[in-house]
Amino acid sequence: MPEQSAQPTNRLERRKQRTRAALITAAQGFIAAGKTAVPVLEITQAADVGMGSFYNHFQSKEQLFEAAVADVLDAHGAMLDHLTASIEDPAETFACSFRLTGRMFRARPRESDILLANAMALFGSDRGLAPRALRDIRAAIDAGRFHHDDPALALALAGGALIAMGTVIRNEPDRDDGATADRVTEDLLRLYGVDAGEAAEICLRPLPELQWPSVPNPAA
């Protein structure tokens, strides 16, 4: 008898997860398009869910948009952690993550538009890219790989470079995104005190195979 009562609960939870994923996916589409002033009704219509379902998951449109941005950042950050887990040199870990993120702007335009649209707020966030980059910068400083006495400033420099790089890659479709990301990463390594020759060599190393985080499908 207990098994019979547990099964509907599981189906209910799966339905709730699909509804939440649909709302987040719809919100990500609006954010990427720069349309954040849309009413809740338009969001629920895009997600193909009822208006009442919205308030079962989020108290406000702003809370949904925050969750939508965090979802993109957490997925990308988790991917970077996975792909760089075997790298022992913290300077290379930072470089690898930055080079991969640079390639996101062409490979994952929707996620990159969300990142660029929220760039200034993201560098103070405790989720996604900023805390991971700060972690890697501090590790590289502690290991003597980076010669920089202000991790927060080093992070800000990386953030500014990422925004500028992403904007250029997005606005110039014929630009080689990989070469651009590698060049900016090399410049950052040199700025942090890595020898020019070694910085260039690090940015020539093969990258892990890209496994971009999947985007939830509201129709699933």
N, C-alpha and C. Protein backbone atom coordinates (compact mmCIF):
# COMPACT_ATOMS: atom_id res chain seq x y z
N MET A 1 0.80 -1.22 0.00
CA MET A 1 0.00 0.00 0.00
C MET A 1 0.83 1.27 0.00
N PRO A 2 1.92 1.35 0.78
CA PRO A 2 2.72 2.56 0.75
C PRO A 2 3.27 2.87 -0.64
N GLU A 3 3.58 1.79 -1.43
CA GLU A 3 4.14 2.02 -2.76
C GLU A 3 3.12 2.69 -3.66
N GLN A 4 1.82 2.37 -3.49
CA GLN A 4 0.80 2.96 -4.33
C GLN A 4 0.68 4.46 -4.08
N SER A 5 0.85 4.89 -2.84
CA SER A 5 0.73 6.31 -2.52
C SER A 5 1.98 7.07 -2.92
N ALA A 6 3.13 6.36 -3.00
CA ALA A 6 4.38 7.05 -3.34
C ALA A 6 4.46 7.38 -4.82
N GLN A 7 3.85 6.53 -5.67
CA GLN A 7 3.98 6.73 -7.11
C GLN A 7 3.36 8.04 -7.59
N PRO A 8 2.13 8.40 -7.20
CA PRO A 8 1.59 9.70 -7.61
C PRO A 8 2.42 10.87 -7.12
N THR A 9 2.99 10.72 -5.92
CA THR A 9 3.84 11.80 -5.41
C THR A 9 5.04 12.01 -6.31
N ASN A 10 5.64 10.92 -6.79
CA ASN A 10 6.77 11.03 -7.70
C ASN A 10 6.37 11.69 -9.01
N ARG A 11 5.21 11.30 -9.52
CA ARG A 11 4.73 11.92 -10.76
C ARG A 11 4.47 13.41 -10.55
N LEU A 12 3.94 13.75 -9.39
CA LEU A 12 3.68 15.15 -9.08
C LEU A 12 4.98 15.93 -9.04
N GLU A 13 5.98 15.35 -8.40
CA GLU A 13 7.28 16.03 -8.32
C GLU A 13 7.89 16.21 -9.71
N ARG A 14 7.77 15.18 -10.55
CA ARG A 14 8.30 15.30 -11.90
C ARG A 14 7.57 16.38 -12.69
N ARG A 15 6.27 16.46 -12.49
CA ARG A 15 5.49 17.49 -13.18
C ARG A 15 5.89 18.87 -12.69
N LYS A 16 6.11 19.01 -11.39
CA LYS A 16 6.56 20.29 -10.85
C LYS A 16 7.92 20.69 -11.43
N GLN A 17 8.82 19.71 -11.53
CA GLN A 17 10.15 19.99 -12.09
C GLN A 17 10.05 20.42 -13.54
N ARG A 18 9.17 19.77 -14.31
CA ARG A 18 9.01 20.15 -15.71
C ARG A 18 8.43 21.56 -15.83
N THR A 19 7.47 21.88 -14.96
CA THR A 19 6.89 23.22 -15.00
C THR A 19 7.92 24.28 -14.65
N ARG A 20 8.71 24.02 -13.60
CA ARG A 20 9.74 24.98 -13.21
C ARG A 20 10.77 25.14 -14.32
N ALA A 21 11.17 24.03 -14.93
CA ALA A 21 12.14 24.09 -16.02
C ALA A 21 11.58 24.87 -17.21
N ALA A 22 10.29 24.69 -17.48
CA ALA A 22 9.67 25.42 -18.59
C ALA A 22 9.66 26.93 -18.32
N LEU A 23 9.35 27.32 -17.09
CA LEU A 23 9.34 28.74 -16.74
C LEU A 23 10.75 29.33 -16.84
N ILE A 24 11.74 28.60 -16.34
CA ILE A 24 13.11 29.08 -16.40
C ILE A 24 13.59 29.21 -17.84
N THR A 25 13.26 28.22 -18.67
CA THR A 25 13.67 28.27 -20.08
C THR A 25 13.02 29.45 -20.78
N ALA A 26 11.74 29.69 -20.50
CA ALA A 26 11.06 30.84 -21.10
C ALA A 26 11.71 32.14 -20.65
N ALA A 27 12.01 32.24 -19.36
CA ALA A 27 12.65 33.45 -18.84
C ALA A 27 14.02 33.67 -19.47
N GLN A 28 14.77 32.60 -19.66
CA GLN A 28 16.08 32.72 -20.30
C GLN A 28 15.96 33.27 -21.71
N GLY A 29 14.91 32.86 -22.41
CA GLY A 29 14.69 33.37 -23.76
C GLY A 29 14.42 34.87 -23.75
N PHE A 30 13.61 35.33 -22.80
CA PHE A 30 13.33 36.77 -22.71
C PHE A 30 14.58 37.55 -22.31
N ILE A 31 15.35 37.02 -21.37
CA ILE A 31 16.57 37.70 -20.93
C ILE A 31 17.55 37.82 -22.08
N ALA A 32 17.74 36.72 -22.81
CA ALA A 32 18.68 36.73 -23.93
C ALA A 32 18.27 37.74 -24.99
N ALA A 33 16.95 37.94 -25.13
CA ALA A 33 16.46 38.89 -26.12
C ALA A 33 16.39 40.31 -25.57
N GLY A 34 16.77 40.50 -24.31
CA GLY A 34 16.74 41.82 -23.70
C GLY A 34 15.35 42.28 -23.34
N LYS A 35 14.41 41.35 -23.18
CA LYS A 35 13.02 41.70 -22.88
C LYS A 35 12.69 41.28 -21.45
N THR A 36 13.07 42.10 -20.50
CA THR A 36 12.82 41.76 -19.10
C THR A 36 11.61 42.48 -18.52
N ALA A 37 10.96 43.32 -19.32
CA ALA A 37 9.79 44.06 -18.83
C ALA A 37 8.50 43.35 -19.20
N VAL A 38 8.58 42.09 -19.58
CA VAL A 38 7.38 41.36 -20.00
C VAL A 38 6.52 41.01 -18.79
N PRO A 39 5.20 40.96 -18.95
CA PRO A 39 4.33 40.57 -17.83
C PRO A 39 4.42 39.07 -17.57
N VAL A 40 4.00 38.68 -16.39
CA VAL A 40 4.04 37.26 -16.02
C VAL A 40 3.20 36.43 -16.98
N LEU A 41 2.07 36.96 -17.43
CA LEU A 41 1.20 36.22 -18.34
C LEU A 41 1.94 35.83 -19.61
N GLU A 42 2.74 36.74 -20.13
CA GLU A 42 3.48 36.45 -21.36
C GLU A 42 4.53 35.35 -21.12
N ILE A 43 5.11 35.36 -19.93
CA ILE A 43 6.10 34.32 -19.59
C ILE A 43 5.42 32.96 -19.51
N THR A 44 4.26 32.90 -18.83
CA THR A 44 3.57 31.62 -18.70
C THR A 44 3.07 31.13 -20.05
N GLN A 45 2.69 32.04 -20.92
CA GLN A 45 2.27 31.63 -22.26
C GLN A 45 3.44 31.04 -23.04
N ALA A 46 4.61 31.67 -22.91
CA ALA A 46 5.80 31.16 -23.60
C ALA A 46 6.21 29.81 -23.05
N ALA A 47 5.98 29.61 -21.75
CA ALA A 47 6.32 28.34 -21.11
C ALA A 47 5.24 27.29 -21.29
N ASP A 48 4.06 27.72 -21.79
CA ASP A 48 2.91 26.83 -21.98
C ASP A 48 2.47 26.21 -20.66
N VAL A 49 2.39 27.06 -19.63
CA VAL A 49 1.89 26.62 -18.32
C VAL A 49 0.84 27.62 -17.85
N GLY A 50 0.02 27.21 -16.91
CA GLY A 50 -1.02 28.09 -16.39
C GLY A 50 -0.46 29.19 -15.51
N MET A 51 -1.18 30.29 -15.45
CA MET A 51 -0.76 31.41 -14.61
C MET A 51 -0.60 30.99 -13.16
N GLY A 52 -1.52 30.17 -12.67
CA GLY A 52 -1.44 29.74 -11.28
C GLY A 52 -0.19 28.94 -11.00
N SER A 53 0.31 28.22 -12.00
CA SER A 53 1.52 27.42 -11.81
C SER A 53 2.73 28.29 -11.53
N PHE A 54 2.73 29.50 -12.06
CA PHE A 54 3.87 30.41 -11.85
C PHE A 54 4.10 30.64 -10.37
N TYR A 55 3.04 30.97 -9.66
CA TYR A 55 3.17 31.34 -8.25
C TYR A 55 3.33 30.13 -7.33
N ASN A 56 3.22 28.94 -7.89
CA ASN A 56 3.58 27.75 -7.13
C ASN A 56 5.09 27.58 -7.04
N HIS A 57 5.82 28.30 -7.90
CA HIS A 57 7.27 28.14 -7.97
C HIS A 57 8.04 29.43 -7.67
N PHE A 58 7.46 30.58 -7.99
CA PHE A 58 8.18 31.85 -7.82
C PHE A 58 7.23 32.90 -7.25
N GLN A 59 7.77 33.74 -6.38
CA GLN A 59 6.96 34.78 -5.77
C GLN A 59 6.80 35.99 -6.68
N SER A 60 7.75 36.16 -7.61
CA SER A 60 7.71 37.33 -8.49
C SER A 60 8.47 37.03 -9.77
N LYS A 61 8.27 37.88 -10.75
CA LYS A 61 9.00 37.76 -12.01
C LYS A 61 10.50 37.95 -11.78
N GLU A 62 10.84 38.87 -10.87
CA GLU A 62 12.26 39.11 -10.58
C GLU A 62 12.93 37.86 -10.01
N GLN A 63 12.21 37.16 -9.14
CA GLN A 63 12.77 35.93 -8.57
C GLN A 63 12.99 34.88 -9.66
N LEU A 64 12.07 34.79 -10.61
CA LEU A 64 12.23 33.86 -11.72
C LEU A 64 13.46 34.23 -12.55
N PHE A 65 13.60 35.50 -12.87
CA PHE A 65 14.74 35.91 -13.69
C PHE A 65 16.07 35.63 -12.98
N GLU A 66 16.09 35.84 -11.67
CA GLU A 66 17.30 35.53 -10.92
C GLU A 66 17.62 34.04 -11.00
N ALA A 67 16.60 33.22 -10.89
CA ALA A 67 16.78 31.77 -10.98
C ALA A 67 17.23 31.37 -12.38
N ALA A 68 16.71 32.05 -13.40
CA ALA A 68 17.06 31.74 -14.78
C ALA A 68 18.53 32.03 -15.05
N VAL A 69 19.02 33.15 -14.54
CA VAL A 69 20.43 33.50 -14.71
C VAL A 69 21.31 32.54 -13.92
N ALA A 70 20.92 32.26 -12.68
CA ALA A 70 21.70 31.35 -11.83
C ALA A 70 21.78 29.97 -12.45
N ASP A 71 20.71 29.54 -13.11
CA ASP A 71 20.70 28.22 -13.74
C ASP A 71 21.75 28.13 -14.83
N VAL A 72 21.87 29.17 -15.63
CA VAL A 72 22.88 29.19 -16.69
C VAL A 72 24.28 29.19 -16.10
N LEU A 73 24.50 30.04 -15.10
CA LEU A 73 25.82 30.17 -14.49
C LEU A 73 26.24 28.88 -13.78
N ASP A 74 25.32 28.29 -13.05
CA ASP A 74 25.65 27.07 -12.32
C ASP A 74 25.97 25.92 -13.28
N ALA A 75 25.21 25.81 -14.36
CA ALA A 75 25.46 24.75 -15.33
C ALA A 75 26.82 24.94 -15.99
N HIS A 76 27.14 26.18 -16.37
CA HIS A 76 28.42 26.45 -17.00
C HIS A 76 29.56 26.25 -16.02
N GLY A 77 29.38 26.72 -14.80
CA GLY A 77 30.42 26.55 -13.78
C GLY A 77 30.67 25.09 -13.47
N ALA A 78 29.60 24.30 -13.38
CA ALA A 78 29.77 22.87 -13.11
C ALA A 78 30.51 22.18 -14.25
N MET A 79 30.22 22.61 -15.47
CA MET A 79 30.93 22.04 -16.62
C MET A 79 32.42 22.36 -16.55
N LEU A 80 32.76 23.60 -16.21
CA LEU A 80 34.17 23.99 -16.11
C LEU A 80 34.87 23.19 -15.01
N ASP A 81 34.21 23.02 -13.87
CA ASP A 81 34.80 22.24 -12.79
C ASP A 81 35.11 20.81 -13.25
N HIS A 82 34.18 20.24 -14.00
CA HIS A 82 34.36 18.87 -14.48
C HIS A 82 35.52 18.78 -15.48
N LEU A 83 35.57 19.71 -16.41
CA LEU A 83 36.57 19.65 -17.47
C LEU A 83 37.98 19.98 -16.99
N THR A 84 38.09 20.72 -15.89
CA THR A 84 39.42 21.12 -15.40
C THR A 84 39.84 20.34 -14.15
N ALA A 85 39.06 19.35 -13.76
CA ALA A 85 39.32 18.65 -12.50
C ALA A 85 40.69 17.98 -12.45
N SER A 86 41.19 17.53 -13.59
CA SER A 86 42.46 16.80 -13.61
C SER A 86 43.68 17.70 -13.76
N ILE A 87 43.48 18.99 -13.93
CA ILE A 87 44.59 19.93 -14.10
C ILE A 87 45.16 20.31 -12.74
N GLU A 88 46.44 20.11 -12.55
CA GLU A 88 47.06 20.37 -11.24
C GLU A 88 47.55 21.81 -11.10
N ASP A 89 47.96 22.43 -12.19
CA ASP A 89 48.50 23.79 -12.14
C ASP A 89 47.34 24.79 -12.09
N PRO A 90 47.18 25.57 -11.01
CA PRO A 90 46.05 26.50 -10.92
C PRO A 90 46.08 27.58 -11.99
N ALA A 91 47.26 27.93 -12.48
CA ALA A 91 47.34 28.92 -13.56
C ALA A 91 46.73 28.35 -14.83
N GLU A 92 47.00 27.08 -15.10
CA GLU A 92 46.40 26.45 -16.28
C GLU A 92 44.91 26.23 -16.08
N THR A 93 44.48 25.93 -14.85
CA THR A 93 43.05 25.78 -14.58
C THR A 93 42.31 27.06 -14.91
N PHE A 94 42.85 28.18 -14.44
CA PHE A 94 42.24 29.47 -14.76
C PHE A 94 42.22 29.70 -16.26
N ALA A 95 43.36 29.45 -16.91
CA ALA A 95 43.47 29.69 -18.35
C ALA A 95 42.50 28.81 -19.13
N CYS A 96 42.43 27.56 -18.75
CA CYS A 96 41.53 26.63 -19.45
C CYS A 96 40.08 27.07 -19.32
N SER A 97 39.67 27.45 -18.12
CA SER A 97 38.29 27.90 -17.90
C SER A 97 37.98 29.15 -18.70
N PHE A 98 38.92 30.08 -18.75
CA PHE A 98 38.70 31.33 -19.48
C PHE A 98 38.64 31.07 -20.98
N ARG A 99 39.52 30.21 -21.48
CA ARG A 99 39.52 29.88 -22.91
C ARG A 99 38.22 29.19 -23.31
N LEU A 100 37.74 28.29 -22.47
CA LEU A 100 36.49 27.60 -22.75
C LEU A 100 35.30 28.56 -22.72
N THR A 101 35.30 29.44 -21.73
CA THR A 101 34.20 30.41 -21.63
C THR A 101 34.19 31.33 -22.83
N GLY A 102 35.37 31.71 -23.32
CA GLY A 102 35.43 32.53 -24.52
C GLY A 102 34.79 31.87 -25.72
N ARG A 103 34.93 30.58 -25.79
CA ARG A 103 34.33 29.83 -26.90
C ARG A 103 32.82 29.68 -26.74
N MET A 104 32.30 29.92 -25.55
CA MET A 104 30.86 29.84 -25.32
C MET A 104 30.12 30.89 -26.12
N PHE A 105 30.72 32.04 -26.34
CA PHE A 105 30.01 33.15 -26.97
C PHE A 105 29.57 32.82 -28.39
N ARG A 106 30.28 31.93 -29.05
CA ARG A 106 29.88 31.51 -30.39
C ARG A 106 29.08 30.21 -30.35
N ALA A 107 29.49 29.30 -29.47
CA ALA A 107 28.86 27.98 -29.43
C ALA A 107 27.50 28.00 -28.73
N ARG A 108 27.35 28.88 -27.74
CA ARG A 108 26.11 28.94 -26.98
C ARG A 108 25.63 30.39 -26.91
N PRO A 109 25.12 30.92 -28.04
CA PRO A 109 24.77 32.34 -28.07
C PRO A 109 23.70 32.75 -27.07
N ARG A 110 22.75 31.87 -26.78
CA ARG A 110 21.69 32.24 -25.83
C ARG A 110 22.25 32.42 -24.44
N GLU A 111 23.08 31.47 -23.99
CA GLU A 111 23.69 31.58 -22.67
C GLU A 111 24.62 32.79 -22.60
N SER A 112 25.35 33.04 -23.68
CA SER A 112 26.28 34.17 -23.67
C SER A 112 25.53 35.50 -23.62
N ASP A 113 24.39 35.57 -24.30
CA ASP A 113 23.59 36.80 -24.24
C ASP A 113 23.09 37.04 -22.82
N ILE A 114 22.71 35.96 -22.12
CA ILE A 114 22.27 36.09 -20.73
C ILE A 114 23.43 36.58 -19.86
N LEU A 115 24.61 36.02 -20.09
CA LEU A 115 25.79 36.43 -19.33
C LEU A 115 26.10 37.91 -19.55
N LEU A 116 26.11 38.32 -20.82
CA LEU A 116 26.45 39.72 -21.13
C LEU A 116 25.38 40.68 -20.61
N ALA A 117 24.12 40.26 -20.65
CA ALA A 117 23.04 41.13 -20.19
C ALA A 117 23.09 41.36 -18.69
N ASN A 118 23.72 40.45 -17.96
CA ASN A 118 23.77 40.54 -16.50
C ASN A 118 25.20 40.64 -15.99
N ALA A 119 26.12 41.04 -16.85
CA ALA A 119 27.54 40.96 -16.54
C ALA A 119 27.93 41.70 -15.26
N MET A 120 27.46 42.91 -15.09
CA MET A 120 27.92 43.71 -13.96
C MET A 120 27.49 43.09 -12.63
N ALA A 121 26.29 42.51 -12.60
CA ALA A 121 25.81 41.91 -11.36
C ALA A 121 26.47 40.58 -11.06
N LEU A 122 26.96 39.91 -12.10
CA LEU A 122 27.48 38.56 -11.93
C LEU A 122 28.81 38.51 -11.20
N PHE A 123 29.59 39.57 -11.29
CA PHE A 123 30.91 39.54 -10.68
C PHE A 123 30.85 39.63 -9.15
N GLY A 124 29.70 40.04 -8.64
CA GLY A 124 29.52 40.06 -7.20
C GLY A 124 28.70 38.87 -6.72
N SER A 125 28.38 37.96 -7.64
CA SER A 125 27.54 36.81 -7.29
C SER A 125 28.37 35.72 -6.63
N ASP A 126 27.71 34.95 -5.77
CA ASP A 126 28.38 33.81 -5.14
C ASP A 126 28.08 32.51 -5.89
N ARG A 127 27.54 32.64 -7.10
CA ARG A 127 27.23 31.48 -7.92
C ARG A 127 27.83 31.65 -9.30
N GLY A 128 28.08 30.53 -9.97
CA GLY A 128 28.51 30.60 -11.35
C GLY A 128 29.98 30.83 -11.55
N LEU A 129 30.32 31.75 -12.45
CA LEU A 129 31.69 31.94 -12.90
C LEU A 129 32.57 32.69 -11.90
N ALA A 130 32.04 33.75 -11.29
CA ALA A 130 32.87 34.62 -10.44
C ALA A 130 33.53 33.88 -9.28
N PRO A 131 32.80 33.13 -8.46
CA PRO A 131 33.46 32.45 -7.34
C PRO A 131 34.49 31.41 -7.79
N ARG A 132 34.23 30.78 -8.92
CA ARG A 132 35.19 29.80 -9.42
C ARG A 132 36.46 30.47 -9.92
N ALA A 133 36.30 31.58 -10.64
CA ALA A 133 37.47 32.31 -11.12
C ALA A 133 38.29 32.84 -9.94
N LEU A 134 37.60 33.37 -8.93
CA LEU A 134 38.30 33.90 -7.76
C LEU A 134 39.04 32.77 -7.04
N ARG A 135 38.41 31.62 -6.93
CA ARG A 135 39.06 30.45 -6.32
C ARG A 135 40.34 30.10 -7.06
N ASP A 136 40.29 30.06 -8.39
CA ASP A 136 41.46 29.69 -9.18
C ASP A 136 42.55 30.75 -9.10
N ILE A 137 42.15 32.01 -9.07
CA ILE A 137 43.13 33.10 -8.96
C ILE A 137 43.85 33.02 -7.62
N ARG A 138 43.09 32.83 -6.56
CA ARG A 138 43.71 32.73 -5.23
C ARG A 138 44.65 31.53 -5.15
N ALA A 139 44.24 30.41 -5.73
CA ALA A 139 45.09 29.22 -5.72
C ALA A 139 46.38 29.47 -6.48
N ALA A 140 46.28 30.17 -7.60
CA ALA A 140 47.48 30.47 -8.40
C ALA A 140 48.40 31.44 -7.66
N ILE A 141 47.83 32.37 -6.94
CA ILE A 141 48.64 33.30 -6.15
C ILE A 141 49.34 32.55 -5.02
N ASP A 142 48.59 31.70 -4.32
CA ASP A 142 49.16 30.94 -3.21
C ASP A 142 50.28 30.01 -3.67
N ALA A 143 50.15 29.51 -4.90
CA ALA A 143 51.16 28.59 -5.44
C ALA A 143 52.33 29.32 -6.07
N GLY A 144 52.28 30.64 -6.07
CA GLY A 144 53.36 31.42 -6.67
C GLY A 144 53.31 31.47 -8.18
N ARG A 145 52.19 31.07 -8.75
CA ARG A 145 52.06 31.08 -10.21
C ARG A 145 51.62 32.45 -10.71
N PHE A 146 50.77 33.12 -9.94
CA PHE A 146 50.38 34.49 -10.26
C PHE A 146 51.07 35.42 -9.26
N HIS A 147 51.62 36.50 -9.76
CA HIS A 147 52.27 37.49 -8.90
C HIS A 147 51.37 38.73 -8.83
N HIS A 148 50.33 38.61 -8.06
CA HIS A 148 49.33 39.67 -7.93
C HIS A 148 48.85 39.65 -6.49
N ASP A 149 48.84 40.80 -5.84
CA ASP A 149 48.53 40.83 -4.41
C ASP A 149 47.08 41.20 -4.10
N ASP A 150 46.23 41.26 -5.13
CA ASP A 150 44.84 41.67 -4.92
C ASP A 150 43.92 40.77 -5.74
N PRO A 151 43.50 39.62 -5.18
CA PRO A 151 42.65 38.69 -5.93
C PRO A 151 41.36 39.32 -6.45
N ALA A 152 40.75 40.19 -5.64
CA ALA A 152 39.50 40.81 -6.06
C ALA A 152 39.71 41.68 -7.30
N LEU A 153 40.82 42.43 -7.32
CA LEU A 153 41.12 43.26 -8.48
C LEU A 153 41.46 42.39 -9.69
N ALA A 154 42.18 41.30 -9.45
CA ALA A 154 42.50 40.38 -10.54
C ALA A 154 41.23 39.80 -11.15
N LEU A 155 40.25 39.50 -10.28
CA LEU A 155 38.97 39.00 -10.78
C LEU A 155 38.26 40.06 -11.61
N ALA A 156 38.29 41.31 -11.14
CA ALA A 156 37.64 42.39 -11.87
C ALA A 156 38.27 42.57 -13.25
N LEU A 157 39.60 42.44 -13.32
CA LEU A 157 40.29 42.56 -14.61
C LEU A 157 39.85 41.44 -15.56
N ALA A 158 39.73 40.23 -15.02
CA ALA A 158 39.28 39.10 -15.83
C ALA A 158 37.84 39.31 -16.29
N GLY A 159 36.99 39.82 -15.38
CA GLY A 159 35.60 40.07 -15.72
C GLY A 159 35.46 41.10 -16.82
N GLY A 160 36.21 42.20 -16.71
CA GLY A 160 36.16 43.22 -17.74
C GLY A 160 36.62 42.68 -19.09
N ALA A 161 37.68 41.88 -19.05
CA ALA A 161 38.19 41.28 -20.28
C ALA A 161 37.17 40.34 -20.90
N LEU A 162 36.46 39.58 -20.04
CA LEU A 162 35.46 38.65 -20.54
C LEU A 162 34.31 39.37 -21.22
N ILE A 163 33.83 40.45 -20.61
CA ILE A 163 32.73 41.22 -21.21
C ILE A 163 33.16 41.79 -22.56
N ALA A 164 34.35 42.40 -22.60
CA ALA A 164 34.83 43.00 -23.84
C ALA A 164 35.01 41.94 -24.92
N MET A 165 35.62 40.82 -24.53
CA MET A 165 35.86 39.74 -25.49
C MET A 165 34.55 39.19 -26.02
N GLY A 166 33.60 38.92 -25.12
CA GLY A 166 32.32 38.38 -25.54
C GLY A 166 31.56 39.31 -26.46
N THR A 167 31.62 40.61 -26.18
CA THR A 167 30.93 41.59 -27.02
C THR A 167 31.53 41.62 -28.42
N VAL A 168 32.85 41.59 -28.50
CA VAL A 168 33.53 41.61 -29.80
C VAL A 168 33.19 40.35 -30.59
N ILE A 169 33.26 39.19 -29.94
CA ILE A 169 32.95 37.93 -30.63
C ILE A 169 31.51 37.91 -31.11
N ARG A 170 30.59 38.41 -30.29
CA ARG A 170 29.18 38.42 -30.69
C ARG A 170 28.93 39.37 -31.85
N ASN A 171 29.62 40.51 -31.83
CA ASN A 171 29.37 41.54 -32.85
C ASN A 171 30.13 41.31 -34.14
N GLU A 172 31.12 40.41 -34.13
CA GLU A 172 31.92 40.14 -35.32
C GLU A 172 31.84 38.65 -35.65
N PRO A 173 30.80 38.24 -36.37
CA PRO A 173 30.58 36.80 -36.61
C PRO A 173 31.69 36.12 -37.40
N ASP A 174 32.51 36.87 -38.12
CA ASP A 174 33.60 36.26 -38.89
C ASP A 174 34.89 36.12 -38.08
N ARG A 175 34.89 36.65 -36.88
CA ARG A 175 36.10 36.58 -36.05
C ARG A 175 36.30 35.15 -35.55
N ASP A 176 37.57 34.73 -35.47
CA ASP A 176 37.92 33.42 -34.92
C ASP A 176 37.78 33.50 -33.40
N ASP A 177 36.73 32.89 -32.87
CA ASP A 177 36.46 33.02 -31.44
C ASP A 177 37.50 32.31 -30.60
N GLY A 178 37.99 31.15 -31.07
CA GLY A 178 39.00 30.42 -30.31
C GLY A 178 40.30 31.19 -30.21
N ALA A 179 40.75 31.73 -31.33
CA ALA A 179 42.00 32.51 -31.34
C ALA A 179 41.86 33.75 -30.47
N THR A 180 40.69 34.37 -30.52
CA THR A 180 40.46 35.58 -29.72
C THR A 180 40.48 35.25 -28.23
N ALA A 181 39.80 34.17 -27.85
CA ALA A 181 39.78 33.77 -26.44
C ALA A 181 41.18 33.41 -25.95
N ASP A 182 41.95 32.74 -26.78
CA ASP A 182 43.31 32.36 -26.38
C ASP A 182 44.20 33.59 -26.23
N ARG A 183 44.03 34.56 -27.11
CA ARG A 183 44.86 35.77 -27.04
C ARG A 183 44.54 36.57 -25.78
N VAL A 184 43.26 36.72 -25.47
CA VAL A 184 42.88 37.47 -24.26
C VAL A 184 43.36 36.73 -23.02
N THR A 185 43.24 35.41 -23.02
CA THR A 185 43.72 34.63 -21.87
C THR A 185 45.22 34.80 -21.69
N GLU A 186 45.96 34.76 -22.78
CA GLU A 186 47.42 34.95 -22.71
C GLU A 186 47.76 36.32 -22.14
N ASP A 187 47.03 37.35 -22.57
CA ASP A 187 47.26 38.70 -22.04
C ASP A 187 47.00 38.75 -20.53
N LEU A 188 45.94 38.07 -20.08
CA LEU A 188 45.64 38.05 -18.65
C LEU A 188 46.74 37.34 -17.86
N LEU A 189 47.21 36.21 -18.37
CA LEU A 189 48.28 35.49 -17.68
C LEU A 189 49.52 36.36 -17.54
N ARG A 190 49.85 37.07 -18.59
CA ARG A 190 51.02 37.96 -18.52
C ARG A 190 50.77 39.09 -17.52
N LEU A 191 49.53 39.61 -17.50
CA LEU A 191 49.18 40.67 -16.56
C LEU A 191 49.31 40.19 -15.12
N TYR A 192 49.03 38.91 -14.89
CA TYR A 192 49.13 38.32 -13.56
C TYR A 192 50.55 37.90 -13.20
N GLY A 193 51.50 38.12 -14.12
CA GLY A 193 52.89 37.86 -13.80
C GLY A 193 53.48 36.59 -14.38
N VAL A 194 52.73 35.88 -15.22
CA VAL A 194 53.27 34.69 -15.86
C VAL A 194 54.20 35.12 -16.98
N ASP A 195 55.34 34.44 -17.10
CA ASP A 195 56.30 34.75 -18.17
C ASP A 195 55.62 34.69 -19.53
N ALA A 196 55.98 35.60 -20.43
CA ALA A 196 55.32 35.71 -21.72
C ALA A 196 55.39 34.41 -22.51
N GLY A 197 56.56 33.79 -22.51
CA GLY A 197 56.71 32.54 -23.24
C GLY A 197 55.83 31.43 -22.67
N GLU A 198 55.79 31.34 -21.35
CA GLU A 198 54.97 30.30 -20.73
C GLU A 198 53.49 30.60 -20.92
N ALA A 199 53.12 31.86 -20.84
CA ALA A 199 51.71 32.22 -21.05
C ALA A 199 51.26 31.79 -22.44
N ALA A 200 52.11 32.03 -23.43
CA ALA A 200 51.78 31.63 -24.79
C ALA A 200 51.66 30.12 -24.90
N GLU A 201 52.58 29.41 -24.24
CA GLU A 201 52.57 27.94 -24.31
C GLU A 201 51.33 27.35 -23.64
N ILE A 202 50.93 27.92 -22.50
CA ILE A 202 49.74 27.44 -21.81
C ILE A 202 48.51 27.58 -22.70
N CYS A 203 48.44 28.66 -23.44
CA CYS A 203 47.27 28.92 -24.27
C CYS A 203 47.29 28.15 -25.59
N LEU A 204 48.35 27.40 -25.82
CA LEU A 204 48.41 26.52 -26.99
C LEU A 204 48.08 25.08 -26.63
N ARG A 205 47.96 24.80 -25.34
CA ARG A 205 47.69 23.43 -24.92
C ARG A 205 46.28 23.01 -25.34
N PRO A 206 46.13 21.73 -25.68
CA PRO A 206 44.79 21.24 -26.09
C PRO A 206 43.77 21.44 -24.98
N LEU A 207 42.58 21.79 -25.38
CA LEU A 207 41.49 21.96 -24.42
C LEU A 207 40.71 20.66 -24.27
N PRO A 208 40.10 20.46 -23.11
CA PRO A 208 39.21 19.29 -22.96
C PRO A 208 38.08 19.36 -23.97
N GLU A 209 37.53 18.21 -24.29
CA GLU A 209 36.40 18.18 -25.22
C GLU A 209 35.22 18.92 -24.62
N LEU A 210 34.65 19.82 -25.41
CA LEU A 210 33.55 20.65 -24.92
C LEU A 210 32.30 19.82 -24.73
N GLN A 211 31.67 19.99 -23.58
CA GLN A 211 30.41 19.31 -23.27
C GLN A 211 29.48 20.37 -22.70
N TRP A 212 28.91 21.15 -23.57
CA TRP A 212 28.10 22.28 -23.11
C TRP A 212 26.88 21.81 -22.34
N PRO A 213 26.55 22.50 -21.24
CA PRO A 213 25.37 22.12 -20.45
C PRO A 213 24.10 22.21 -21.29
N SER A 214 23.22 21.26 -21.10
CA SER A 214 21.98 21.24 -21.88
C SER A 214 21.01 22.27 -21.35
N VAL A 215 20.17 22.75 -22.26
CA VAL A 215 19.12 23.71 -21.90
C VAL A 215 17.84 22.94 -21.66
N PRO A 216 17.15 23.16 -20.51
CA PRO A 216 15.92 22.43 -20.26
C PRO A 216 14.90 22.59 -21.38
N ASN A 217 14.21 21.54 -21.70
CA ASN A 217 13.19 21.57 -22.76
C ASN A 217 11.81 21.55 -22.11
N PRO A 218 11.07 22.66 -22.21
CA PRO A 218 9.78 22.71 -21.53
C PRO A 218 8.78 21.71 -22.09
N ALA A 219 9.04 21.19 -23.28
CA ALA A 219 8.10 20.25 -23.88
C ALA A 219 8.38 18.82 -23.44
N ALA A 220 9.50 18.62 -22.70
CA ALA A 220 9.86 17.25 -22.31
C ALA A 220 8.89 16.71 -21.28
